[in-house]
Amino acid sequence: MSTVRPPLVAGNWKMHHGPAAAREFGEALAARALPPAVTVALFPPALSLAALRAGLGEGSTVLLGVQDIHWEPSGAYTGEVSAPMAAEAGAELALVGHSERRHVFGETDEETARKVAAAFGAGLVPVLCVGETEAERDAGRLEEVLARQLGAVAGRLDDARLAGLVVAYEPVWAIGTGRTATPEDASQAHALLRAALRGRIGDEAGGVPILYGGSVKPANAAELLGARDVDGVLVGGASLDAASFGAIADAAAAA
């Protein structure tokens, strides 16, 4: 892990934990000491954001975000949440382009780029998810896919905003499958992303956190977090339990 970029451990709850469970989780996480050197963030369902904040309590350092936003600030988009609404509700970050949004709901690179711009416009920090499918990886297209996904977003941002992005590499073949990229796999992809960022913003690319996401759990967190150019993790299922998630944060502090 880089000694320049502080580690970031983020949890994406997906469609789990309603308000009651979110509050209970917050209380459990607040009862344990999180390592101060690690930035911790959680992405609950939008309906559970307020309950989670209440459970964490006043003075919590845990950052909260939403799992998706629409690119328009308001309008006739039934079921959608805008970036300004998310910010008003207390979100500080927004996941954008998660593989499930891309591959289950058909979100395009262009739509993802518009969402990133909308997040910045509302004062949210966008966490851009990128990654290849198993077929793309087997075809040797890793670099091509990452360059396309990152490039679509970079084309809509000025250098200052691009430097304020968080990137999460999540190989689609390792999400919810029990398969995990090796530390070498993660380092290779992260190095490609870092190089692409450096080509646009130079040395400022060194400050952009790049997270690994894909079947991260307490048992493999330390190994992944110790890999070169891995600045943190985006955790799925293991983030639903406060003890498990806290153990991953502890692993980040020790890496």
Protein backbone atom coordinates (compact mmCIF):
# COMPACT_ATOMS: atom_id res chain seq x y z
CA MET A 1 0.00 0.00 0.00
CA SER A 2 1.19 3.50 -0.71
CA THR A 3 2.58 5.47 2.23
CA VAL A 4 1.36 8.68 0.56
CA ARG A 5 -2.33 7.91 0.13
CA PRO A 6 -4.16 7.04 3.38
CA PRO A 7 -6.05 3.74 3.18
CA LEU A 8 -9.77 3.87 2.43
CA VAL A 9 -12.10 1.03 3.41
CA ALA A 10 -15.59 1.35 1.94
CA GLY A 11 -18.59 -0.92 2.32
CA ASN A 12 -21.32 -1.28 -0.32
CA TRP A 13 -24.42 -2.82 1.21
CA LYS A 14 -26.26 -3.14 -2.09
CA MET A 15 -29.95 -4.03 -1.44
CA HIS A 16 -29.44 -5.12 2.17
CA HIS A 17 -30.15 -3.60 5.60
CA GLY A 18 -33.33 -1.58 5.91
CA PRO A 19 -33.47 1.32 8.39
CA ALA A 20 -33.78 -0.82 11.54
CA ALA A 21 -30.85 -3.07 10.60
CA ALA A 22 -28.83 -0.04 9.48
CA ARG A 23 -29.26 1.69 12.82
CA GLU A 24 -28.30 -1.49 14.67
CA PHE A 25 -25.18 -1.84 12.49
CA GLY A 26 -24.25 1.79 13.16
CA GLU A 27 -24.51 1.30 16.90
CA ALA A 28 -22.36 -1.85 16.72
CA LEU A 29 -19.69 -0.14 14.62
CA ALA A 30 -19.69 2.90 16.90
CA ALA A 31 -19.05 0.62 19.89
CA ARG A 32 -15.70 -0.52 18.50
CA ALA A 33 -12.60 1.58 18.00
CA LEU A 34 -11.89 2.15 14.32
CA PRO A 35 -8.24 2.79 13.42
CA PRO A 36 -7.75 6.58 13.11
CA ALA A 37 -5.31 6.24 10.21
CA VAL A 38 -7.96 4.62 8.01
CA THR A 39 -10.78 6.43 6.22
CA VAL A 40 -13.98 4.40 6.55
CA ALA A 41 -17.03 4.86 4.31
CA LEU A 42 -20.36 3.10 3.96
CA PHE A 43 -22.86 3.02 1.12
CA PRO A 44 -26.23 1.89 2.52
CA PRO A 45 -29.48 1.83 0.55
CA ALA A 46 -30.71 5.42 0.24
CA LEU A 47 -33.68 4.70 2.52
CA SER A 48 -31.31 3.59 5.29
CA LEU A 49 -28.83 6.47 5.16
CA ALA A 50 -30.46 8.55 7.90
CA ALA A 51 -30.90 5.54 10.19
CA LEU A 52 -27.27 4.53 9.77
CA ARG A 53 -26.11 8.06 10.58
CA ALA A 54 -28.28 8.03 13.71
CA GLY A 55 -26.83 4.69 14.77
CA LEU A 56 -23.25 5.87 14.28
CA GLY A 57 -23.98 8.86 16.50
CA GLU A 58 -22.68 12.39 16.76
CA GLY A 59 -19.02 12.85 16.01
CA SER A 60 -18.65 9.69 13.91
CA THR A 61 -15.83 9.88 11.39
CA VAL A 62 -17.45 7.30 9.09
CA LEU A 63 -18.28 8.83 5.71
CA LEU A 64 -21.64 7.99 4.16
CA GLY A 65 -22.58 7.73 0.52
CA VAL A 66 -25.31 6.62 -1.85
CA GLN A 67 -25.03 3.69 -4.24
CA ASP A 68 -26.18 5.51 -7.37
CA ILE A 69 -27.42 8.90 -8.56
CA HIS A 70 -29.15 10.33 -11.61
CA TRP A 71 -27.28 12.89 -13.69
CA GLU A 72 -30.15 15.39 -13.67
CA PRO A 73 -30.66 17.55 -10.55
CA SER A 74 -34.45 17.02 -10.67
CA GLY A 75 -37.17 15.97 -13.07
CA ALA A 76 -39.65 13.30 -14.08
CA TYR A 77 -37.43 10.30 -13.30
CA THR A 78 -39.53 8.05 -11.09
CA GLY A 79 -37.51 6.08 -8.58
CA GLU A 80 -34.27 7.99 -9.12
CA VAL A 81 -32.21 10.00 -6.61
CA SER A 82 -30.39 13.14 -7.72
CA ALA A 83 -26.96 14.21 -6.50
CA PRO A 84 -28.30 17.39 -4.81
CA MET A 85 -30.93 15.30 -2.98
CA ALA A 86 -28.25 12.86 -1.80
CA ALA A 87 -26.07 15.71 -0.55
CA GLU A 88 -29.02 17.31 1.27
CA ALA A 89 -29.76 13.96 2.96
CA GLY A 90 -26.22 13.87 4.34
CA ALA A 91 -24.30 11.83 1.76
CA GLU A 92 -20.71 12.79 1.16
CA LEU A 93 -19.89 10.28 -1.57
CA ALA A 94 -21.62 8.52 -4.44
CA LEU A 95 -20.83 5.19 -6.04
CA VAL A 96 -20.98 5.54 -9.81
CA GLY A 97 -20.77 2.87 -12.50
CA HIS A 98 -20.86 -0.17 -10.23
CA SER A 99 -20.69 -3.35 -12.28
CA GLU A 100 -24.28 -4.19 -11.36
CA ARG A 101 -25.41 -0.82 -12.69
CA ARG A 102 -23.50 -1.49 -15.91
CA HIS A 103 -24.28 -5.17 -16.46
CA VAL A 104 -27.66 -5.66 -14.77
CA PHE A 105 -29.25 -2.29 -15.52
CA GLY A 106 -27.46 -1.53 -18.78
CA GLU A 107 -25.75 1.70 -17.73
CA THR A 108 -23.42 2.99 -20.45
CA ASP A 109 -20.02 4.63 -20.15
CA GLU A 110 -21.62 7.91 -21.22
CA GLU A 111 -24.29 7.71 -18.51
CA THR A 112 -21.65 6.88 -15.92
CA ALA A 113 -19.61 9.90 -16.99
CA ARG A 114 -22.64 12.16 -16.66
CA LYS A 115 -23.25 10.84 -13.16
CA VAL A 116 -19.66 11.53 -12.11
CA ALA A 117 -19.97 15.12 -13.32
CA ALA A 118 -23.28 15.48 -11.47
CA ALA A 119 -21.74 14.19 -8.25
CA PHE A 120 -18.94 16.74 -8.40
CA GLY A 121 -21.47 19.45 -9.21
CA ALA A 122 -23.39 18.68 -6.01
CA GLY A 123 -20.29 18.54 -3.82
CA LEU A 124 -20.18 14.75 -3.58
CA VAL A 125 -17.00 12.72 -4.06
CA PRO A 126 -17.68 10.19 -6.82
CA VAL A 127 -16.28 6.68 -6.42
CA LEU A 128 -15.98 5.47 -10.00
CA CYS A 129 -16.20 1.70 -10.42
CA VAL A 130 -14.40 0.12 -13.37
CA GLY A 131 -13.53 -3.45 -14.28
CA GLU A 132 -13.58 -6.17 -16.89
CA THR A 133 -15.74 -9.24 -17.35
CA GLU A 134 -14.26 -12.72 -17.41
CA ALA A 135 -14.63 -12.87 -21.20
CA GLU A 136 -12.85 -9.54 -21.61
CA ARG A 137 -10.03 -10.65 -19.34
CA ASP A 138 -9.61 -13.96 -21.15
CA ALA A 139 -9.45 -12.05 -24.44
CA GLY A 140 -6.57 -9.92 -23.14
CA ARG A 141 -8.66 -6.75 -23.14
CA LEU A 142 -8.04 -5.59 -19.56
CA GLU A 143 -6.12 -2.45 -20.50
CA GLU A 144 -8.56 -1.58 -23.29
CA VAL A 145 -11.62 -1.89 -21.04
CA LEU A 146 -10.12 0.13 -18.19
CA ALA A 147 -8.92 2.85 -20.58
CA ARG A 148 -12.39 3.09 -22.14
CA GLN A 149 -14.25 3.27 -18.85
CA LEU A 150 -11.88 5.76 -17.26
CA GLY A 151 -11.52 7.78 -20.46
CA ALA A 152 -15.27 8.32 -20.79
CA VAL A 153 -15.26 10.00 -17.38
CA ALA A 154 -12.00 11.88 -17.81
CA GLY A 155 -13.33 13.47 -20.99
CA ARG A 156 -16.02 15.27 -18.96
CA LEU A 157 -13.78 16.55 -16.16
CA ASP A 158 -11.18 19.25 -15.81
CA ASP A 159 -7.87 18.28 -14.24
CA ALA A 160 -8.80 19.48 -10.74
CA ARG A 161 -11.91 17.34 -10.61
CA LEU A 162 -10.18 14.34 -12.12
CA ALA A 163 -7.60 14.61 -9.33
CA GLY A 164 -10.47 14.56 -6.80
CA LEU A 165 -11.88 11.27 -8.06
CA VAL A 166 -11.80 7.95 -6.20
CA VAL A 167 -11.49 4.90 -8.46
CA ALA A 168 -12.53 1.37 -7.53
CA TYR A 169 -11.26 -1.51 -9.64
CA GLU A 170 -13.75 -4.37 -9.42
CA PRO A 171 -13.17 -7.28 -11.79
CA VAL A 172 -16.69 -8.43 -12.63
CA TRP A 173 -15.64 -12.07 -12.45
CA ALA A 174 -14.70 -11.65 -8.78
CA ILE A 175 -17.85 -9.93 -7.48
CA GLY A 176 -20.08 -12.13 -5.38
CA THR A 177 -18.51 -15.24 -6.91
CA GLY A 178 -16.10 -16.17 -4.14
CA ARG A 179 -13.26 -15.72 -6.62
CA THR A 180 -10.76 -13.02 -5.74
CA ALA A 181 -8.11 -11.43 -7.89
CA THR A 182 -4.63 -12.20 -6.67
CA PRO A 183 -2.59 -9.30 -5.28
CA GLU A 184 -0.64 -9.44 -8.54
CA ASP A 185 -3.86 -9.16 -10.57
CA ALA A 186 -4.96 -6.17 -8.51
CA SER A 187 -1.58 -4.46 -8.77
CA GLN A 188 -1.51 -4.91 -12.55
CA ALA A 189 -4.92 -3.30 -13.02
CA HIS A 190 -4.23 -0.53 -10.52
CA ALA A 191 -0.93 0.28 -12.23
CA LEU A 192 -2.73 0.59 -15.57
CA LEU A 193 -5.26 2.96 -14.03
CA ARG A 194 -2.55 5.01 -12.31
CA ALA A 195 -0.63 5.31 -15.58
CA ALA A 196 -3.75 6.44 -17.43
CA LEU A 197 -4.40 9.09 -14.79
CA ARG A 198 -0.78 10.19 -14.85
CA GLY A 199 -1.00 10.68 -18.60
CA ARG A 200 -3.72 13.25 -18.02
CA ILE A 201 -2.89 14.96 -14.69
CA GLY A 202 0.77 14.14 -14.15
CA ASP A 203 2.01 13.84 -10.58
CA GLU A 204 -1.47 14.65 -9.25
CA ALA A 205 -2.38 11.09 -10.20
CA GLY A 206 -0.41 9.95 -7.17
CA GLY A 207 -3.08 11.35 -4.88
CA VAL A 208 -6.03 9.53 -6.47
CA PRO A 209 -7.07 6.57 -4.29
CA ILE A 210 -7.57 3.35 -6.24
CA LEU A 211 -9.51 0.68 -4.36
CA TYR A 212 -9.86 -3.02 -5.04
CA GLY A 213 -13.33 -4.56 -4.89
CA GLY A 214 -14.33 -8.17 -5.39
CA SER A 215 -14.99 -10.80 -2.68
CA VAL A 216 -12.94 -8.91 -0.08
CA LYS A 217 -13.22 -10.44 3.39
CA PRO A 218 -11.21 -10.40 6.65
CA ALA A 219 -9.30 -13.53 5.57
CA ASN A 220 -7.82 -11.96 2.42
CA ALA A 221 -7.93 -8.23 3.19
CA ALA A 222 -4.39 -7.92 4.52
CA GLU A 223 -2.85 -9.62 1.48
CA LEU A 224 -4.81 -7.44 -0.95
CA LEU A 225 -4.17 -4.25 0.99
CA GLY A 226 -0.46 -4.99 1.03
CA ALA A 227 -0.28 -5.14 -2.76
CA ARG A 228 1.44 -2.38 -4.69
CA ASP A 229 -0.83 0.50 -5.75
CA VAL A 230 -3.82 -0.82 -3.76
CA ASP A 231 -4.99 2.10 -1.62
CA GLY A 232 -7.97 0.47 -0.01
CA VAL A 233 -10.90 -1.84 -0.64
CA LEU A 234 -14.55 -1.68 -1.66
CA VAL A 235 -16.22 -4.41 0.37
CA GLY A 236 -19.51 -6.09 -0.49
CA GLY A 237 -20.99 -8.90 1.61
CA ALA A 238 -18.37 -8.67 4.36
CA SER A 239 -19.44 -5.08 5.04
CA LEU A 240 -22.88 -6.19 6.25
CA ASP A 241 -21.50 -7.32 9.61
CA ALA A 242 -19.93 -4.67 11.85
CA ALA A 243 -17.33 -7.03 13.32
CA SER A 244 -16.26 -8.31 9.90
CA PHE A 245 -16.11 -4.81 8.42
CA GLY A 246 -14.19 -3.51 11.43
CA ALA A 247 -11.66 -6.33 11.04
CA ILE A 248 -11.03 -5.24 7.45
CA ALA A 249 -10.45 -1.67 8.63
CA ASP A 250 -7.95 -3.02 11.16
CA ALA A 251 -6.19 -4.93 8.37
CA ALA A 252 -5.90 -1.70 6.39
CA ALA A 253 -4.27 0.04 9.32
CA ALA A 254 -1.71 -2.74 9.62
CA ALA A 255 -0.91 -3.10 5.91
